[in-house]
Every structure is written in C-alpha cells, then in structure tokens.
Amino acid sequence: MDLFALYPLLKAAWVVWFFALFSFILFRVLRPGRRQAYQMLADIPLRDEAPRARQPQRSI
C-alpha cells in the first residue's frame, strides 16, 4: 500500500485521535476533585494584592 491509499484511513484516525485527546483533557479538568485547584488558578488575575518582590537567588 502506498501513502495515497492510506490517506483516508489516516485522515479518519487523526479525527479520532484529537477527539480522544480532547475528551481526556475535559475529563481531567472537570472532575470534581480538581475543581478547587483550577478555581484557585482562575482567580489569580482577579486578586487585588500586589505581587511579591522576587528574592535574588544566591549561589552557594
């Protein structure tokens, strides 16, 4: 089989692969145990506190 004969199969497999990947990401993000962690990350831009100054790193 040459590449032209495999093209329809690869095209369909590509769609299935991305659907499976998207479903996995949705499952991982939307599961109840991770809700609080993602909510804390989503609130970062809305915080009113000033960012902390970075400490210079010391090399030993």
PDB file of N, CA and C in Angstrom:
ATOM      1  N   MET A   1       0.839  -1.180   0.000  1.00  0.00           N
ATOM      2  CA  MET A   1       0.000   0.000   0.000  1.00  0.00           C
ATOM      3  C   MET A   1       0.882   1.241   0.000  1.00  0.00           C
ATOM      4  N   ASP A   2       0.476   2.179  -0.787  1.00  0.00           N
ATOM      5  CA  ASP A   2       1.220   3.425  -0.802  1.00  0.00           C
ATOM      6  C   ASP A   2       0.515   4.459   0.087  1.00  0.00           C
ATOM      7  N   LEU A   3       1.121   5.596   0.206  1.00  0.00           N
ATOM      8  CA  LEU A   3       0.610   6.631   1.101  1.00  0.00           C
ATOM      9  C   LEU A   3      -0.738   7.166   0.643  1.00  0.00           C
ATOM     10  N   PHE A   4      -0.954   7.209  -0.675  1.00  0.00           N
ATOM     11  CA  PHE A   4      -2.230   7.709  -1.187  1.00  0.00           C
ATOM     12  C   PHE A   4      -3.385   6.779  -0.826  1.00  0.00           C
ATOM     13  N   ALA A   5      -3.136   5.510  -0.739  1.00  0.00           N
ATOM     14  CA  ALA A   5      -4.179   4.561  -0.355  1.00  0.00           C
ATOM     15  C   ALA A   5      -4.471   4.638   1.144  1.00  0.00           C
ATOM     16  N   LEU A   6      -3.481   5.008   1.935  1.00  0.00           N
ATOM     17  CA  LEU A   6      -3.661   5.113   3.384  1.00  0.00           C
ATOM     18  C   LEU A   6      -4.240   6.458   3.828  1.00  0.00           C
ATOM     19  N   TYR A   7      -4.276   7.429   2.928  1.00  0.00           N
ATOM     20  CA  TYR A   7      -4.711   8.774   3.291  1.00  0.00           C
ATOM     21  C   TYR A   7      -6.101   8.808   3.934  1.00  0.00           C
ATOM     22  N   PRO A   8      -7.137   8.162   3.381  1.00  0.00           N
ATOM     23  CA  PRO A   8      -8.456   8.211   4.048  1.00  0.00           C
ATOM     24  C   PRO A   8      -8.436   7.604   5.454  1.00  0.00           C
ATOM     25  N   LEU A   9      -7.690   6.531   5.631  1.00  0.00           N
ATOM     26  CA  LEU A   9      -7.594   5.918   6.954  1.00  0.00           C
ATOM     27  C   LEU A   9      -6.879   6.842   7.942  1.00  0.00           C
ATOM     28  N   LEU A  10      -5.791   7.445   7.513  1.00  0.00           N
ATOM     29  CA  LEU A  10      -5.051   8.363   8.383  1.00  0.00           C
ATOM     30  C   LEU A  10      -5.869   9.610   8.703  1.00  0.00           C
ATOM     31  N   LYS A  11      -6.642  10.079   7.738  1.00  0.00           N
ATOM     32  CA  LYS A  11      -7.482  11.250   7.961  1.00  0.00           C
ATOM     33  C   LYS A  11      -8.538  10.959   9.029  1.00  0.00           C
ATOM     34  N   ALA A  12      -9.144   9.795   8.979  1.00  0.00           N
ATOM     35  CA  ALA A  12     -10.140   9.413   9.983  1.00  0.00           C
ATOM     36  C   ALA A  12      -9.478   9.167  11.340  1.00  0.00           C
ATOM     37  N   ALA A  13      -8.319   8.556  11.350  1.00  0.00           N
ATOM     38  CA  ALA A  13      -7.617   8.281  12.606  1.00  0.00           C
ATOM     39  C   ALA A  13      -7.208   9.585  13.290  1.00  0.00           C
ATOM     40  N   TRP A  14      -6.853  10.596  12.518  1.00  0.00           N
ATOM     41  CA  TRP A  14      -6.467  11.896  13.055  1.00  0.00           C
ATOM     42  C   TRP A  14      -7.632  12.519  13.825  1.00  0.00           C
ATOM     43  N   VAL A  15      -8.831  12.444  13.253  1.00  0.00           N
ATOM     44  CA  VAL A  15     -10.018  12.997  13.904  1.00  0.00           C
ATOM     45  C   VAL A  15     -10.319  12.232  15.195  1.00  0.00           C
ATOM     46  N   VAL A  16     -10.239  10.925  15.143  1.00  0.00           N
ATOM     47  CA  VAL A  16     -10.498  10.104  16.329  1.00  0.00           C
ATOM     48  C   VAL A  16      -9.464  10.398  17.408  1.00  0.00           C
ATOM     49  N   TRP A  17      -8.205  10.552  17.017  1.00  0.00           N
ATOM     50  CA  TRP A  17      -7.132  10.847  17.971  1.00  0.00           C
ATOM     51  C   TRP A  17      -7.385  12.171  18.690  1.00  0.00           C
ATOM     52  N   PHE A  18      -7.728  13.223  17.948  1.00  0.00           N
ATOM     53  CA  PHE A  18      -7.973  14.512  18.586  1.00  0.00           C
ATOM     54  C   PHE A  18      -9.227  14.498  19.450  1.00  0.00           C
ATOM     55  N   PHE A  19     -10.254  13.767  19.039  1.00  0.00           N
ATOM     56  CA  PHE A  19     -11.450  13.650  19.870  1.00  0.00           C
ATOM     57  C   PHE A  19     -11.121  12.944  21.182  1.00  0.00           C
ATOM     58  N   ALA A  20     -10.335  11.894  21.122  1.00  0.00           N
ATOM     59  CA  ALA A  20      -9.947  11.173  22.338  1.00  0.00           C
ATOM     60  C   ALA A  20      -9.092  12.063  23.243  1.00  0.00           C
ATOM     61  N   LEU A  21      -8.165  12.806  22.666  1.00  0.00           N
ATOM     62  CA  LEU A  21      -7.323  13.713  23.443  1.00  0.00           C
ATOM     63  C   LEU A  21      -8.156  14.813  24.098  1.00  0.00           C
ATOM     64  N   PHE A  22      -9.071  15.397  23.339  1.00  0.00           N
ATOM     65  CA  PHE A  22      -9.943  16.443  23.871  1.00  0.00           C
ATOM     66  C   PHE A  22     -10.815  15.898  25.000  1.00  0.00           C
ATOM     67  N   SER A  23     -11.351  14.704  24.822  1.00  0.00           N
ATOM     68  CA  SER A  23     -12.179  14.079  25.860  1.00  0.00           C
ATOM     69  C   SER A  23     -11.370  13.819  27.125  1.00  0.00           C
ATOM     70  N   PHE A  24     -10.126  13.366  26.975  1.00  0.00           N
ATOM     71  CA  PHE A  24      -9.263  13.127  28.130  1.00  0.00           C
ATOM     72  C   PHE A  24      -8.985  14.423  28.886  1.00  0.00           C
ATOM     73  N   ILE A  25      -8.708  15.499  28.161  1.00  0.00           N
ATOM     74  CA  ILE A  25      -8.434  16.787  28.803  1.00  0.00           C
ATOM     75  C   ILE A  25      -9.674  17.282  29.542  1.00  0.00           C
ATOM     76  N   LEU A  26     -10.842  17.169  28.912  1.00  0.00           N
ATOM     77  CA  LEU A  26     -12.077  17.573  29.586  1.00  0.00           C
ATOM     78  C   LEU A  26     -12.321  16.755  30.845  1.00  0.00           C
ATOM     79  N   PHE A  27     -12.125  15.457  30.759  1.00  0.00           N
ATOM     80  CA  PHE A  27     -12.318  14.596  31.923  1.00  0.00           C
ATOM     81  C   PHE A  27     -11.372  14.990  33.047  1.00  0.00           C
ATOM     82  N   ARG A  28     -10.124  15.246  32.699  1.00  0.00           N
ATOM     83  CA  ARG A  28      -9.128  15.573  33.722  1.00  0.00           C
ATOM     84  C   ARG A  28      -9.412  16.918  34.390  1.00  0.00           C
ATOM     85  N   VAL A  29      -9.855  17.895  33.616  1.00  0.00           N
ATOM     86  CA  VAL A  29     -10.095  19.230  34.161  1.00  0.00           C
ATOM     87  C   VAL A  29     -11.418  19.311  34.918  1.00  0.00           C
ATOM     88  N   LEU A  30     -12.438  18.647  34.439  1.00  0.00           N
ATOM     89  CA  LEU A  30     -13.771  18.817  35.009  1.00  0.00           C
ATOM     90  C   LEU A  30     -14.131  17.819  36.104  1.00  0.00           C
ATOM     91  N   ARG A  31     -13.228  16.939  36.473  1.00  0.00           N
ATOM     92  CA  ARG A  31     -13.569  16.003  37.538  1.00  0.00           C
ATOM     93  C   ARG A  31     -13.657  16.761  38.865  1.00  0.00           C
ATOM     94  N   PRO A  32     -14.539  16.312  39.742  1.00  0.00           N
ATOM     95  CA  PRO A  32     -14.829  17.068  40.970  1.00  0.00           C
ATOM     96  C   PRO A  32     -13.624  17.281  41.887  1.00  0.00           C
ATOM     97  N   GLY A  33     -12.698  16.378  41.931  1.00  0.00           N
ATOM     98  CA  GLY A  33     -11.571  16.505  42.844  1.00  0.00           C
ATOM     99  C   GLY A  33     -10.612  17.630  42.494  1.00  0.00           C
ATOM    100  N   ARG A  34     -10.581  18.062  41.257  1.00  0.00           N
ATOM    101  CA  ARG A  34      -9.645  19.099  40.828  1.00  0.00           C
ATOM    102  C   ARG A  34     -10.281  20.478  40.732  1.00  0.00           C
ATOM    103  N   ARG A  35     -11.552  20.584  41.035  1.00  0.00           N
ATOM    104  CA  ARG A  35     -12.263  21.844  40.861  1.00  0.00           C
ATOM    105  C   ARG A  35     -11.644  22.975  41.683  1.00  0.00           C
ATOM    106  N   GLN A  36     -11.318  22.709  42.947  1.00  0.00           N
ATOM    107  CA  GLN A  36     -10.777  23.750  43.815  1.00  0.00           C
ATOM    108  C   GLN A  36      -9.420  24.242  43.307  1.00  0.00           C
ATOM    109  N   ALA A  37      -8.578  23.346  42.848  1.00  0.00           N
ATOM    110  CA  ALA A  37      -7.258  23.750  42.359  1.00  0.00           C
ATOM    111  C   ALA A  37      -7.379  24.635  41.123  1.00  0.00           C
ATOM    112  N   TYR A  38      -8.243  24.264  40.187  1.00  0.00           N
ATOM    113  CA  TYR A  38      -8.406  25.076  38.982  1.00  0.00           C
ATOM    114  C   TYR A  38      -9.120  26.387  39.291  1.00  0.00           C
ATOM    115  N   GLN A  39     -10.001  26.399  40.286  1.00  0.00           N
ATOM    116  CA  GLN A  39     -10.659  27.641  40.678  1.00  0.00           C
ATOM    117  C   GLN A  39      -9.648  28.621  41.266  1.00  0.00           C
ATOM    118  N   MET A  40      -8.710  28.121  42.064  1.00  0.00           N
ATOM    119  CA  MET A  40      -7.661  28.985  42.612  1.00  0.00           C
ATOM    120  C   MET A  40      -6.795  29.559  41.495  1.00  0.00           C
ATOM    121  N   LEU A  41      -6.472  28.748  40.495  1.00  0.00           N
ATOM    122  CA  LEU A  41      -5.682  29.238  39.371  1.00  0.00           C
ATOM    123  C   LEU A  41      -6.458  30.256  38.546  1.00  0.00           C
ATOM    124  N   ALA A  42      -7.757  30.075  38.416  1.00  0.00           N
ATOM    125  CA  ALA A  42      -8.578  31.008  37.643  1.00  0.00           C
ATOM    126  C   ALA A  42      -8.719  32.351  38.347  1.00  0.00           C
ATOM    127  N   ASP A  43      -8.601  32.370  39.670  1.00  0.00           N
ATOM    128  CA  ASP A  43      -8.755  33.607  40.433  1.00  0.00           C
ATOM    129  C   ASP A  43      -7.483  34.447  40.491  1.00  0.00           C
ATOM    130  N   ILE A  44      -6.378  33.960  40.007  1.00  0.00           N
ATOM    131  CA  ILE A  44      -5.109  34.696  40.087  1.00  0.00           C
ATOM    132  C   ILE A  44      -5.206  36.086  39.451  1.00  0.00           C
ATOM    133  N   PRO A  45      -5.754  36.246  38.242  1.00  0.00           N
ATOM    134  CA  PRO A  45      -5.800  37.596  37.658  1.00  0.00           C
ATOM    135  C   PRO A  45      -6.733  38.552  38.400  1.00  0.00           C
ATOM    136  N   LEU A  46      -7.629  38.047  39.210  1.00  0.00           N
ATOM    137  CA  LEU A  46      -8.610  38.890  39.885  1.00  0.00           C
ATOM    138  C   LEU A  46      -8.179  39.313  41.282  1.00  0.00           C
ATOM    139  N   ARG A  47      -7.062  38.873  41.750  1.00  0.00           N
ATOM    140  CA  ARG A  47      -6.596  39.223  43.094  1.00  0.00           C
ATOM    141  C   ARG A  47      -6.163  40.680  43.140  1.00  0.00           C
ATOM    142  N   ASP A  48      -6.439  41.337  44.268  1.00  0.00           N
ATOM    143  CA  ASP A  48      -6.096  42.750  44.430  1.00  0.00           C
ATOM    144  C   ASP A  48      -4.741  42.972  45.078  1.00  0.00           C
ATOM    145  N   GLU A  49      -4.151  41.939  45.595  1.00  0.00           N
ATOM    146  CA  GLU A  49      -2.876  42.103  46.287  1.00  0.00           C
ATOM    147  C   GLU A  49      -1.747  42.347  45.272  1.00  0.00           C
ATOM    148  N   ALA A  50      -0.766  43.114  45.702  1.00  0.00           N
ATOM    149  CA  ALA A  50       0.384  43.394  44.843  1.00  0.00           C
ATOM    150  C   ALA A  50       1.281  42.164  44.776  1.00  0.00           C
ATOM    151  N   PRO A  51       1.923  41.960  43.652  1.00  0.00           N
ATOM    152  CA  PRO A  51       2.826  40.805  43.573  1.00  0.00           C
ATOM    153  C   PRO A  51       4.027  40.988  44.489  1.00  0.00           C
ATOM    154  N   ARG A  52       4.493  39.885  45.029  1.00  0.00           N
ATOM    155  CA  ARG A  52       5.656  39.935  45.913  1.00  0.00           C
ATOM    156  C   ARG A  52       6.921  40.186  45.099  1.00  0.00           C
ATOM    157  N   ALA A  53       7.851  40.904  45.709  1.00  0.00           N
ATOM    158  CA  ALA A  53       9.136  41.145  45.057  1.00  0.00           C
ATOM    159  C   ALA A  53       9.926  39.844  45.024  1.00  0.00           C
ATOM    160  N   ARG A  54      10.613  39.631  43.942  1.00  0.00           N
ATOM    161  CA  ARG A  54      11.409  38.409  43.819  1.00  0.00           C
ATOM    162  C   ARG A  54      12.677  38.535  44.634  1.00  0.00           C
ATOM    163  N   GLN A  55      12.999  37.483  45.322  1.00  0.00           N
ATOM    164  CA  GLN A  55      14.231  37.423  46.096  1.00  0.00           C
ATOM    165  C   GLN A  55      15.367  37.047  45.145  1.00  0.00           C
ATOM    166  N   PRO A  56      16.501  37.724  45.254  1.00  0.00           N
ATOM    167  CA  PRO A  56      17.629  37.306  44.414  1.00  0.00           C
ATOM    168  C   PRO A  56      18.101  35.914  44.821  1.00  0.00           C
ATOM    169  N   GLN A  57      18.438  35.129  43.850  1.00  0.00           N
ATOM    170  CA  GLN A  57      18.906  33.776  44.138  1.00  0.00           C
ATOM    171  C   GLN A  57      20.376  33.814  44.502  1.00  0.00           C
ATOM    172  N   ARG A  58      20.697  33.103  45.556  1.00  0.00           N
ATOM    173  CA  ARG A  58      22.090  33.036  45.986  1.00  0.00           C
ATOM    174  C   ARG A  58      22.704  31.752  45.481  1.00  0.00           C
ATOM    175  N   SER A  59      23.887  31.869  44.979  1.00  0.00           N
ATOM    176  CA  SER A  59      24.611  30.653  44.602  1.00  0.00           C
ATOM    177  C   SER A  59      25.576  30.306  45.726  1.00  0.00           C
ATOM    178  N   ILE A  60      25.636  29.059  46.018  1.00  0.00           N
ATOM    179  CA  ILE A  60      26.478  28.618  47.136  1.00  0.00           C
ATOM    180  C   ILE A  60      27.769  28.064  46.603  1.00  0.00           C
TER     181      ILE A  60
END
